[in-house]
Each structure stands twice: as C-alpha cells, then as structure tokens.
Amino acid sequence: MALVKVAEAAELSPGQCRVVSVGSRELALFNVGGEFYCLNNECPHQDGPLGEGDLEEDVVICPWHAWQVNVRTGEVLYMPGLCVRTHPCLVEDGAVFVEI
C-alpha cells in the first residue's frame, strides 16, 4: 500500500466531492465536515461517477440513477452487504493523501 497525494485540503470544502485520478484509476473524494473519505468512483449499479454526485451529510447520491452510498463505509443504502471499495485518507501539511 502507498499513500498518494490527490488534492489540497483547501480545494474541497465541507459538503463537496470530486473525482481525482491516481494513475489510471478514478477515485471519488469527499469532505464530510472537514474529514476526508475516498471511494472507487464507480457506483455498483451501472458504474456511475460517484464523485460527480450530490453529497448529503455522509451519503453520496449517484448522479445516474440516485443510488445512495455511505462515503464513510462504502455501504450501499438499502442493500446490506453491497459495498463500494473505500480508501483510507490522511491529511498532512494541508494535503490530502489516499492509501492505494
């Protein structure tokens, strides 16, 4: 596992999300009340871009078909056991790092 810088913390205000790239991978980065969370950027329904969804508290709503995913755990709401892969985040010296 390696830590990879994906953003400056100041670039993503609380309640915002965005797509970040690490090599050929696309990840979804979220700021929930100043804490950062990261998921694979693929909704398990039809691979919708979670990083382009709406973030409501700690739940992202996929922009394609409104599937809801908890960004802290990766769990798909209303479908226990179905999860999106999470990646631990670390904020250091104002930068956001993701464990890959």
PDB file of N, CA and C in Angstrom:
ATOM      1  N   MET A   1       0.837  -1.185   0.000  1.00  0.00           N
ATOM      2  CA  MET A   1       0.000   0.000   0.000  1.00  0.00           C
ATOM      3  C   MET A   1       0.881   1.247   0.000  1.00  0.00           C
ATOM      4  N   ALA A   2       0.404   2.257  -0.685  1.00  0.00           N
ATOM      5  CA  ALA A   2       1.152   3.504  -0.778  1.00  0.00           C
ATOM      6  C   ALA A   2       0.208   4.675  -0.572  1.00  0.00           C
ATOM      7  N   LEU A   3       0.723   5.752   0.014  1.00  0.00           N
ATOM      8  CA  LEU A   3      -0.039   6.989   0.139  1.00  0.00           C
ATOM      9  C   LEU A   3       0.257   7.874  -1.062  1.00  0.00           C
ATOM     10  N   VAL A   4      -0.805   8.362  -1.697  1.00  0.00           N
ATOM     11  CA  VAL A   4      -0.671   9.187  -2.895  1.00  0.00           C
ATOM     12  C   VAL A   4      -1.412  10.498  -2.665  1.00  0.00           C
ATOM     13  N   LYS A   5      -0.737  11.616  -2.928  1.00  0.00           N
ATOM     14  CA  LYS A   5      -1.390  12.917  -2.806  1.00  0.00           C
ATOM     15  C   LYS A   5      -2.407  13.080  -3.932  1.00  0.00           C
ATOM     16  N   VAL A   6      -3.649  13.446  -3.550  1.00  0.00           N
ATOM     17  CA  VAL A   6      -4.697  13.594  -4.554  1.00  0.00           C
ATOM     18  C   VAL A   6      -5.277  15.009  -4.622  1.00  0.00           C
ATOM     19  N   ALA A   7      -5.036  15.819  -3.569  1.00  0.00           N
ATOM     20  CA  ALA A   7      -5.608  17.169  -3.565  1.00  0.00           C
ATOM     21  C   ALA A   7      -5.021  17.979  -2.418  1.00  0.00           C
ATOM     22  N   GLU A   8      -5.245  19.265  -2.487  1.00  0.00           N
ATOM     23  CA  GLU A   8      -5.000  20.145  -1.348  1.00  0.00           C
ATOM     24  C   GLU A   8      -6.321  20.204  -0.576  1.00  0.00           C
ATOM     25  N   ALA A   9      -6.258  20.091   0.734  1.00  0.00           N
ATOM     26  CA  ALA A   9      -7.473  20.083   1.549  1.00  0.00           C
ATOM     27  C   ALA A   9      -8.324  21.327   1.320  1.00  0.00           C
ATOM     28  N   ALA A  10      -7.699  22.468   1.105  1.00  0.00           N
ATOM     29  CA  ALA A  10      -8.429  23.725   0.910  1.00  0.00           C
ATOM     30  C   ALA A  10      -9.234  23.746  -0.386  1.00  0.00           C
ATOM     31  N   GLU A  11      -8.934  22.848  -1.320  1.00  0.00           N
ATOM     32  CA  GLU A  11      -9.642  22.807  -2.602  1.00  0.00           C
ATOM     33  C   GLU A  11     -11.033  22.198  -2.495  1.00  0.00           C
ATOM     34  N   LEU A  12     -11.301  21.509  -1.394  1.00  0.00           N
ATOM     35  CA  LEU A  12     -12.563  20.777  -1.252  1.00  0.00           C
ATOM     36  C   LEU A  12     -13.212  21.173   0.073  1.00  0.00           C
ATOM     37  N   SER A  13     -14.219  22.009  -0.001  1.00  0.00           N
ATOM     38  CA  SER A  13     -14.915  22.490   1.194  1.00  0.00           C
ATOM     39  C   SER A  13     -15.812  21.393   1.763  1.00  0.00           C
ATOM     40  N   PRO A  14     -16.151  21.480   3.043  1.00  0.00           N
ATOM     41  CA  PRO A  14     -17.099  20.514   3.613  1.00  0.00           C
ATOM     42  C   PRO A  14     -18.382  20.449   2.788  1.00  0.00           C
ATOM     43  N   GLY A  15     -18.832  19.228   2.523  1.00  0.00           N
ATOM     44  CA  GLY A  15     -20.034  19.014   1.729  1.00  0.00           C
ATOM     45  C   GLY A  15     -19.779  18.865   0.247  1.00  0.00           C
ATOM     46  N   GLN A  16     -18.516  18.954  -0.152  1.00  0.00           N
ATOM     47  CA  GLN A  16     -18.189  18.828  -1.578  1.00  0.00           C
ATOM     48  C   GLN A  16     -17.549  17.478  -1.876  1.00  0.00           C
ATOM     49  N   CYS A  17     -17.629  17.108  -3.148  1.00  0.00           N
ATOM     50  CA  CYS A  17     -16.955  15.907  -3.624  1.00  0.00           C
ATOM     51  C   CYS A  17     -16.391  16.185  -5.002  1.00  0.00           C
ATOM     52  N   ARG A  18     -15.453  15.334  -5.406  1.00  0.00           N
ATOM     53  CA  ARG A  18     -14.872  15.490  -6.737  1.00  0.00           C
ATOM     54  C   ARG A  18     -14.184  14.201  -7.146  1.00  0.00           C
ATOM     55  N   VAL A  19     -13.928  14.097  -8.427  1.00  0.00           N
ATOM     56  CA  VAL A  19     -13.208  12.958  -8.986  1.00  0.00           C
ATOM     57  C   VAL A  19     -11.724  13.302  -8.993  1.00  0.00           C
ATOM     58  N   VAL A  20     -10.903  12.358  -8.537  1.00  0.00           N
ATOM     59  CA  VAL A  20      -9.452  12.518  -8.579  1.00  0.00           C
ATOM     60  C   VAL A  20      -8.869  11.306  -9.291  1.00  0.00           C
ATOM     61  N   SER A  21      -7.730  11.487  -9.923  1.00  0.00           N
ATOM     62  CA  SER A  21      -7.079  10.393 -10.645  1.00  0.00           C
ATOM     63  C   SER A  21      -5.798   9.997  -9.953  1.00  0.00           C
ATOM     64  N   VAL A  22      -5.590   8.701  -9.878  1.00  0.00           N
ATOM     65  CA  VAL A  22      -4.342   8.133  -9.374  1.00  0.00           C
ATOM     66  C   VAL A  22      -3.904   7.118 -10.421  1.00  0.00           C
ATOM     67  N   GLY A  23      -2.915   7.506 -11.213  1.00  0.00           N
ATOM     68  CA  GLY A  23      -2.528   6.657 -12.338  1.00  0.00           C
ATOM     69  C   GLY A  23      -3.710   6.531 -13.283  1.00  0.00           C
ATOM     70  N   SER A  24      -4.098   5.317 -13.598  1.00  0.00           N
ATOM     71  CA  SER A  24      -5.232   5.095 -14.497  1.00  0.00           C
ATOM     72  C   SER A  24      -6.549   4.929 -13.739  1.00  0.00           C
ATOM     73  N   ARG A  25      -6.512   5.042 -12.410  1.00  0.00           N
ATOM     74  CA  ARG A  25      -7.717   4.855 -11.593  1.00  0.00           C
ATOM     75  C   ARG A  25      -8.409   6.184 -11.320  1.00  0.00           C
ATOM     76  N   GLU A  26      -9.739   6.149 -11.342  1.00  0.00           N
ATOM     77  CA  GLU A  26     -10.536   7.298 -10.926  1.00  0.00           C
ATOM     78  C   GLU A  26     -11.123   6.993  -9.565  1.00  0.00           C
ATOM     79  N   LEU A  27     -10.960   7.946  -8.638  1.00  0.00           N
ATOM     80  CA  LEU A  27     -11.487   7.807  -7.292  1.00  0.00           C
ATOM     81  C   LEU A  27     -12.418   8.976  -7.004  1.00  0.00           C
ATOM     82  N   ALA A  28     -13.304   8.798  -6.042  1.00  0.00           N
ATOM     83  CA  ALA A  28     -14.208   9.860  -5.607  1.00  0.00           C
ATOM     84  C   ALA A  28     -13.761  10.312  -4.223  1.00  0.00           C
ATOM     85  N   LEU A  29     -13.484  11.598  -4.079  1.00  0.00           N
ATOM     86  CA  LEU A  29     -13.005  12.168  -2.824  1.00  0.00           C
ATOM     87  C   LEU A  29     -14.104  13.050  -2.236  1.00  0.00           C
ATOM     88  N   PHE A  30     -14.338  12.913  -0.923  1.00  0.00           N
ATOM     89  CA  PHE A  30     -15.425  13.605  -0.244  1.00  0.00           C
ATOM     90  C   PHE A  30     -14.907  14.308   1.000  1.00  0.00           C
ATOM     91  N   ASN A  31     -15.460  15.493   1.275  1.00  0.00           N
ATOM     92  CA  ASN A  31     -15.178  16.205   2.510  1.00  0.00           C
ATOM     93  C   ASN A  31     -16.478  16.237   3.311  1.00  0.00           C
ATOM     94  N   VAL A  32     -16.488  15.504   4.422  1.00  0.00           N
ATOM     95  CA  VAL A  32     -17.652  15.442   5.304  1.00  0.00           C
ATOM     96  C   VAL A  32     -17.274  16.132   6.611  1.00  0.00           C
ATOM     97  N   GLY A  33     -17.694  17.366   6.758  1.00  0.00           N
ATOM     98  CA  GLY A  33     -17.415  18.100   7.980  1.00  0.00           C
ATOM     99  C   GLY A  33     -15.942  18.251   8.305  1.00  0.00           C
ATOM    100  N   GLY A  34     -15.110  18.360   7.278  1.00  0.00           N
ATOM    101  CA  GLY A  34     -13.669  18.515   7.469  1.00  0.00           C
ATOM    102  C   GLY A  34     -12.900  17.210   7.495  1.00  0.00           C
ATOM    103  N   GLU A  35     -13.603  16.077   7.446  1.00  0.00           N
ATOM    104  CA  GLU A  35     -12.958  14.758   7.362  1.00  0.00           C
ATOM    105  C   GLU A  35     -13.043  14.285   5.917  1.00  0.00           C
ATOM    106  N   PHE A  36     -11.962  13.684   5.431  1.00  0.00           N
ATOM    107  CA  PHE A  36     -11.922  13.247   4.039  1.00  0.00           C
ATOM    108  C   PHE A  36     -12.124  11.741   3.928  1.00  0.00           C
ATOM    109  N   TYR A  37     -12.876  11.362   2.895  1.00  0.00           N
ATOM    110  CA  TYR A  37     -13.170   9.962   2.608  1.00  0.00           C
ATOM    111  C   TYR A  37     -12.996   9.738   1.113  1.00  0.00           C
ATOM    112  N   CYS A  38     -12.652   8.523   0.751  1.00  0.00           N
ATOM    113  CA  CYS A  38     -12.407   8.215  -0.657  1.00  0.00           C
ATOM    114  C   CYS A  38     -12.995   6.854  -1.003  1.00  0.00           C
ATOM    115  N   LEU A  39     -13.635   6.795  -2.156  1.00  0.00           N
ATOM    116  CA  LEU A  39     -14.225   5.564  -2.682  1.00  0.00           C
ATOM    117  C   LEU A  39     -13.759   5.368  -4.122  1.00  0.00           C
ATOM    118  N   ASN A  40     -13.857   4.139  -4.609  1.00  0.00           N
ATOM    119  CA  ASN A  40     -13.735   3.945  -6.051  1.00  0.00           C
ATOM    120  C   ASN A  40     -14.839   4.772  -6.700  1.00  0.00           C
ATOM    121  N   ASN A  41     -14.567   5.339  -7.836  1.00  0.00           N
ATOM    122  CA  ASN A  41     -15.523   6.237  -8.494  1.00  0.00           C
ATOM    123  C   ASN A  41     -16.490   5.480  -9.393  1.00  0.00           C
ATOM    124  N   GLU A  42     -17.012   4.363  -8.890  1.00  0.00           N
ATOM    125  CA  GLU A  42     -17.945   3.562  -9.695  1.00  0.00           C
ATOM    126  C   GLU A  42     -19.092   3.077  -8.826  1.00  0.00           C
ATOM    127  N   CYS A  43     -20.282   3.551  -9.131  1.00  0.00           N
ATOM    128  CA  CYS A  43     -21.471   3.059  -8.455  1.00  0.00           C
ATOM    129  C   CYS A  43     -21.660   1.587  -8.834  1.00  0.00           C
ATOM    130  N   PRO A  44     -22.013   0.728  -7.874  1.00  0.00           N
ATOM    131  CA  PRO A  44     -22.167  -0.684  -8.203  1.00  0.00           C
ATOM    132  C   PRO A  44     -23.371  -0.984  -9.101  1.00  0.00           C
ATOM    133  N   HIS A  45     -24.230  -0.003  -9.321  1.00  0.00           N
ATOM    134  CA  HIS A  45     -25.400  -0.240 -10.165  1.00  0.00           C
ATOM    135  C   HIS A  45     -24.995  -0.331 -11.631  1.00  0.00           C
ATOM    136  N   GLN A  46     -24.487   0.775 -12.191  1.00  0.00           N
ATOM    137  CA  GLN A  46     -24.063   0.776 -13.596  1.00  0.00           C
ATOM    138  C   GLN A  46     -22.821   1.637 -13.780  1.00  0.00           C
ATOM    139  N   ASP A  47     -21.935   1.618 -12.773  1.00  0.00           N
ATOM    140  CA  ASP A  47     -20.652   2.313 -12.823  1.00  0.00           C
ATOM    141  C   ASP A  47     -20.765   3.834 -12.941  1.00  0.00           C
ATOM    142  N   GLY A  48     -21.841   4.399 -12.434  1.00  0.00           N
ATOM    143  CA  GLY A  48     -22.000   5.856 -12.444  1.00  0.00           C
ATOM    144  C   GLY A  48     -20.886   6.530 -11.659  1.00  0.00           C
ATOM    145  N   PRO A  49     -20.540   7.778 -12.001  1.00  0.00           N
ATOM    146  CA  PRO A  49     -19.436   8.503 -11.374  1.00  0.00           C
ATOM    147  C   PRO A  49     -19.833   9.102 -10.015  1.00  0.00           C
ATOM    148  N   LEU A  50     -19.548   8.397  -8.941  1.00  0.00           N
ATOM    149  CA  LEU A  50     -19.942   8.847  -7.607  1.00  0.00           C
ATOM    150  C   LEU A  50     -19.370  10.207  -7.245  1.00  0.00           C
ATOM    151  N   GLY A  51     -18.180  10.519  -7.729  1.00  0.00           N
ATOM    152  CA  GLY A  51     -17.549  11.797  -7.428  1.00  0.00           C
ATOM    153  C   GLY A  51     -18.242  12.984  -8.057  1.00  0.00           C
ATOM    154  N   GLU A  52     -19.205  12.734  -8.936  1.00  0.00           N
ATOM    155  CA  GLU A  52     -19.991  13.803  -9.552  1.00  0.00           C
ATOM    156  C   GLU A  52     -21.384  13.888  -8.937  1.00  0.00           C
ATOM    157  N   GLY A  53     -21.618  13.069  -7.907  1.00  0.00           N
ATOM    158  CA  GLY A  53     -22.934  13.048  -7.272  1.00  0.00           C
ATOM    159  C   GLY A  53     -23.113  14.160  -6.263  1.00  0.00           C
ATOM    160  N   ASP A  54     -24.278  14.166  -5.637  1.00  0.00           N
ATOM    161  CA  ASP A  54     -24.582  15.124  -4.578  1.00  0.00           C
ATOM    162  C   ASP A  54     -24.254  14.471  -3.243  1.00  0.00           C
ATOM    163  N   LEU A  55     -23.580  15.212  -2.373  1.00  0.00           N
ATOM    164  CA  LEU A  55     -23.211  14.725  -1.051  1.00  0.00           C
ATOM    165  C   LEU A  55     -24.167  15.324  -0.034  1.00  0.00           C
ATOM    166  N   GLU A  56     -24.892  14.462   0.674  1.00  0.00           N
ATOM    167  CA  GLU A  56     -25.809  14.882   1.730  1.00  0.00           C
ATOM    168  C   GLU A  56     -25.342  14.222   3.019  1.00  0.00           C
ATOM    169  N   GLU A  57     -24.763  15.035   3.904  1.00  0.00           N
ATOM    170  CA  GLU A  57     -24.112  14.559   5.122  1.00  0.00           C
ATOM    171  C   GLU A  57     -23.026  13.571   4.717  1.00  0.00           C
ATOM    172  N   ASP A  58     -23.159  12.274   5.065  1.00  0.00           N
ATOM    173  CA  ASP A  58     -22.123  11.303   4.690  1.00  0.00           C
ATOM    174  C   ASP A  58     -22.599  10.318   3.629  1.00  0.00           C
ATOM    175  N   VAL A  59     -23.585  10.734   2.833  1.00  0.00           N
ATOM    176  CA  VAL A  59     -24.136   9.876   1.778  1.00  0.00           C
ATOM    177  C   VAL A  59     -24.014  10.588   0.438  1.00  0.00           C
ATOM    178  N   VAL A  60     -23.431   9.879  -0.538  1.00  0.00           N
ATOM    179  CA  VAL A  60     -23.379  10.416  -1.891  1.00  0.00           C
ATOM    180  C   VAL A  60     -24.504   9.767  -2.693  1.00  0.00           C
ATOM    181  N   ILE A  61     -25.134  10.596  -3.531  1.00  0.00           N
ATOM    182  CA  ILE A  61     -26.221  10.121  -4.386  1.00  0.00           C
ATOM    183  C   ILE A  61     -25.694  10.086  -5.809  1.00  0.00           C
ATOM    184  N   CYS A  62     -25.656   8.883  -6.375  1.00  0.00           N
ATOM    185  CA  CYS A  62     -25.121   8.719  -7.735  1.00  0.00           C
ATOM    186  C   CYS A  62     -25.926   9.574  -8.714  1.00  0.00           C
ATOM    187  N   PRO A  63     -25.234  10.331  -9.573  1.00  0.00           N
ATOM    188  CA  PRO A  63     -25.950  11.212 -10.497  1.00  0.00           C
ATOM    189  C   PRO A  63     -26.708  10.475 -11.602  1.00  0.00           C
ATOM    190  N   TRP A  64     -26.414   9.208 -11.823  1.00  0.00           N
ATOM    191  CA  TRP A  64     -27.090   8.491 -12.903  1.00  0.00           C
ATOM    192  C   TRP A  64     -28.451   7.942 -12.497  1.00  0.00           C
ATOM    193  N   HIS A  65     -28.523   7.213 -11.373  1.00  0.00           N
ATOM    194  CA  HIS A  65     -29.782   6.560 -11.011  1.00  0.00           C
ATOM    195  C   HIS A  65     -30.129   6.705  -9.538  1.00  0.00           C
ATOM    196  N   ALA A  66     -29.479   7.661  -8.861  1.00  0.00           N
ATOM    197  CA  ALA A  66     -29.794   8.024  -7.473  1.00  0.00           C
ATOM    198  C   ALA A  66     -29.538   6.917  -6.448  1.00  0.00           C
ATOM    199  N   TRP A  67     -28.650   5.980  -6.747  1.00  0.00           N
ATOM    200  CA  TRP A  67     -28.267   5.025  -5.712  1.00  0.00           C
ATOM    201  C   TRP A  67     -27.497   5.796  -4.648  1.00  0.00           C
ATOM    202  N   GLN A  68     -27.670   5.409  -3.401  1.00  0.00           N
ATOM    203  CA  GLN A  68     -27.069   6.123  -2.290  1.00  0.00           C
ATOM    204  C   GLN A  68     -26.001   5.263  -1.624  1.00  0.00           C
ATOM    205  N   VAL A  69     -24.829   5.867  -1.396  1.00  0.00           N
ATOM    206  CA  VAL A  69     -23.680   5.161  -0.821  1.00  0.00           C
ATOM    207  C   VAL A  69     -23.137   5.969   0.358  1.00  0.00           C
ATOM    208  N   ASN A  70     -22.921   5.297   1.489  1.00  0.00           N
ATOM    209  CA  ASN A  70     -22.299   5.942   2.640  1.00  0.00           C
ATOM    210  C   ASN A  70     -20.813   6.076   2.342  1.00  0.00           C
ATOM    211  N   VAL A  71     -20.300   7.307   2.343  1.00  0.00           N
ATOM    212  CA  VAL A  71     -18.902   7.525   1.964  1.00  0.00           C
ATOM    213  C   VAL A  71     -17.926   7.095   3.058  1.00  0.00           C
ATOM    214  N   ARG A  72     -18.394   6.974   4.287  1.00  0.00           N
ATOM    215  CA  ARG A  72     -17.520   6.523   5.380  1.00  0.00           C
ATOM    216  C   ARG A  72     -17.244   5.018   5.287  1.00  0.00           C
ATOM    217  N   THR A  73     -18.271   4.257   4.911  1.00  0.00           N
ATOM    218  CA  THR A  73     -18.169   2.793   4.926  1.00  0.00           C
ATOM    219  C   THR A  73     -18.178   2.150   3.546  1.00  0.00           C
ATOM    220  N   GLY A  74     -18.660   2.872   2.550  1.00  0.00           N
ATOM    221  CA  GLY A  74     -18.808   2.320   1.206  1.00  0.00           C
ATOM    222  C   GLY A  74     -20.086   1.522   1.023  1.00  0.00           C
ATOM    223  N   GLU A  75     -20.884   1.381   2.091  1.00  0.00           N
ATOM    224  CA  GLU A  75     -22.092   0.565   2.005  1.00  0.00           C
ATOM    225  C   GLU A  75     -23.186   1.252   1.201  1.00  0.00           C
ATOM    226  N   VAL A  76     -23.821   0.480   0.327  1.00  0.00           N
ATOM    227  CA  VAL A  76     -24.948   0.965  -0.455  1.00  0.00           C
ATOM    228  C   VAL A  76     -26.176   0.920   0.454  1.00  0.00           C
ATOM    229  N   LEU A  77     -26.833   2.069   0.609  1.00  0.00           N
ATOM    230  CA  LEU A  77     -28.018   2.105   1.464  1.00  0.00           C
ATOM    231  C   LEU A  77     -29.119   1.229   0.871  1.00  0.00           C
ATOM    232  N   TYR A  78     -29.860   0.605   1.722  1.00  0.00           N
ATOM    233  CA  TYR A  78     -30.981  -0.248   1.350  1.00  0.00           C
ATOM    234  C   TYR A  78     -30.549  -1.558   0.694  1.00  0.00           C
ATOM    235  N   MET A  79     -29.244  -1.843   0.631  1.00  0.00           N
ATOM    236  CA  MET A  79     -28.756  -3.112   0.076  1.00  0.00           C
ATOM    237  C   MET A  79     -27.616  -3.612   0.956  1.00  0.00           C
ATOM    238  N   PRO A  80     -27.933  -4.065   2.160  1.00  0.00           N
ATOM    239  CA  PRO A  80     -26.883  -4.519   3.081  1.00  0.00           C
ATOM    240  C   PRO A  80     -25.953  -5.537   2.425  1.00  0.00           C
ATOM    241  N   GLY A  81     -24.670  -5.355   2.666  1.00  0.00           N
ATOM    242  CA  GLY A  81     -23.673  -6.268   2.116  1.00  0.00           C
ATOM    243  C   GLY A  81     -23.082  -5.815   0.797  1.00  0.00           C
ATOM    244  N   LEU A  82     -23.744  -4.918   0.083  1.00  0.00           N
ATOM    245  CA  LEU A  82     -23.213  -4.411  -1.184  1.00  0.00           C
ATOM    246  C   LEU A  82     -22.420  -3.143  -0.882  1.00  0.00           C
ATOM    247  N   CYS A  83     -21.140  -3.139  -1.232  1.00  0.00           N
ATOM    248  CA  CYS A  83     -20.269  -2.019  -0.880  1.00  0.00           C
ATOM    249  C   CYS A  83     -19.407  -1.578  -2.057  1.00  0.00           C
ATOM    250  N   VAL A  84     -19.016  -0.312  -1.982  1.00  0.00           N
ATOM    251  CA  VAL A  84     -18.024   0.265  -2.884  1.00  0.00           C
ATOM    252  C   VAL A  84     -16.710   0.274  -2.107  1.00  0.00           C
ATOM    253  N   ARG A  85     -15.614  -0.025  -2.768  1.00  0.00           N
ATOM    254  CA  ARG A  85     -14.325  -0.074  -2.085  1.00  0.00           C
ATOM    255  C   ARG A  85     -13.942   1.303  -1.557  1.00  0.00           C
ATOM    256  N   THR A  86     -13.511   1.330  -0.301  1.00  0.00           N
ATOM    257  CA  THR A  86     -13.050   2.568   0.330  1.00  0.00           C
ATOM    258  C   THR A  86     -11.529   2.597   0.343  1.00  0.00           C
ATOM    259  N   HIS A  87     -10.990   3.810   0.444  1.00  0.00           N
ATOM    260  CA  HIS A  87      -9.544   4.019   0.535  1.00  0.00           C
ATOM    261  C   HIS A  87      -9.290   4.994   1.689  1.00  0.00           C
ATOM    262  N   PRO A  88      -8.497   4.601   2.686  1.00  0.00           N
ATOM    263  CA  PRO A  88      -8.211   5.498   3.804  1.00  0.00           C
ATOM    264  C   PRO A  88      -7.547   6.792   3.334  1.00  0.00           C
ATOM    265  N   CYS A  89      -7.896   7.878   4.026  1.00  0.00           N
ATOM    266  CA  CYS A  89      -7.337   9.195   3.714  1.00  0.00           C
ATOM    267  C   CYS A  89      -6.529   9.715   4.896  1.00  0.00           C
ATOM    268  N   LEU A  90      -5.547  10.543   4.572  1.00  0.00           N
ATOM    269  CA  LEU A  90      -4.714  11.198   5.570  1.00  0.00           C
ATOM    270  C   LEU A  90      -4.504  12.632   5.106  1.00  0.00           C
ATOM    271  N   VAL A  91      -4.688  13.584   6.025  1.00  0.00           N
ATOM    272  CA  VAL A  91      -4.406  14.979   5.708  1.00  0.00           C
ATOM    273  C   VAL A  91      -3.145  15.362   6.461  1.00  0.00           C
ATOM    274  N   GLU A  92      -2.155  15.840   5.699  1.00  0.00           N
ATOM    275  CA  GLU A  92      -0.876  16.222   6.283  1.00  0.00           C
ATOM    276  C   GLU A  92      -0.353  17.468   5.588  1.00  0.00           C
ATOM    277  N   ASP A  93      -0.002  18.473   6.367  1.00  0.00           N
ATOM    278  CA  ASP A  93       0.507  19.736   5.827  1.00  0.00           C
ATOM    279  C   ASP A  93      -0.411  20.322   4.759  1.00  0.00           C
ATOM    280  N   GLY A  94      -1.729  20.205   4.972  1.00  0.00           N
ATOM    281  CA  GLY A  94      -2.702  20.786   4.055  1.00  0.00           C
ATOM    282  C   GLY A  94      -2.972  19.975   2.807  1.00  0.00           C
ATOM    283  N   ALA A  95      -2.356  18.807   2.680  1.00  0.00           N
ATOM    284  CA  ALA A  95      -2.564  17.963   1.510  1.00  0.00           C
ATOM    285  C   ALA A  95      -3.362  16.721   1.887  1.00  0.00           C
ATOM    286  N   VAL A  96      -4.170  16.235   0.966  1.00  0.00           N
ATOM    287  CA  VAL A  96      -4.961  15.014   1.180  1.00  0.00           C
ATOM    288  C   VAL A  96      -4.251  13.871   0.462  1.00  0.00           C
ATOM    289  N   PHE A  97      -3.962  12.829   1.213  1.00  0.00           N
ATOM    290  CA  PHE A  97      -3.338  11.625   0.682  1.00  0.00           C
ATOM    291  C   PHE A  97      -4.325  10.476   0.785  1.00  0.00           C
ATOM    292  N   VAL A  98      -4.319   9.586  -0.201  1.00  0.00           N
ATOM    293  CA  VAL A  98      -5.176   8.412  -0.215  1.00  0.00           C
ATOM    294  C   VAL A  98      -4.294   7.183  -0.244  1.00  0.00           C
ATOM    295  N   GLU A  99      -4.691   6.176   0.538  1.00  0.00           N
ATOM    296  CA  GLU A  99      -3.955   4.917   0.548  1.00  0.00           C
ATOM    297  C   GLU A  99      -4.437   4.036  -0.597  1.00  0.00           C
ATOM    298  N   ILE A 100      -3.511   3.676  -1.447  1.00  0.00           N
ATOM    299  CA  ILE A 100      -3.819   2.845  -2.618  1.00  0.00           C
ATOM    300  C   ILE A 100      -3.129   1.491  -2.461  1.00  0.00           C
TER     301      ILE A 100
END
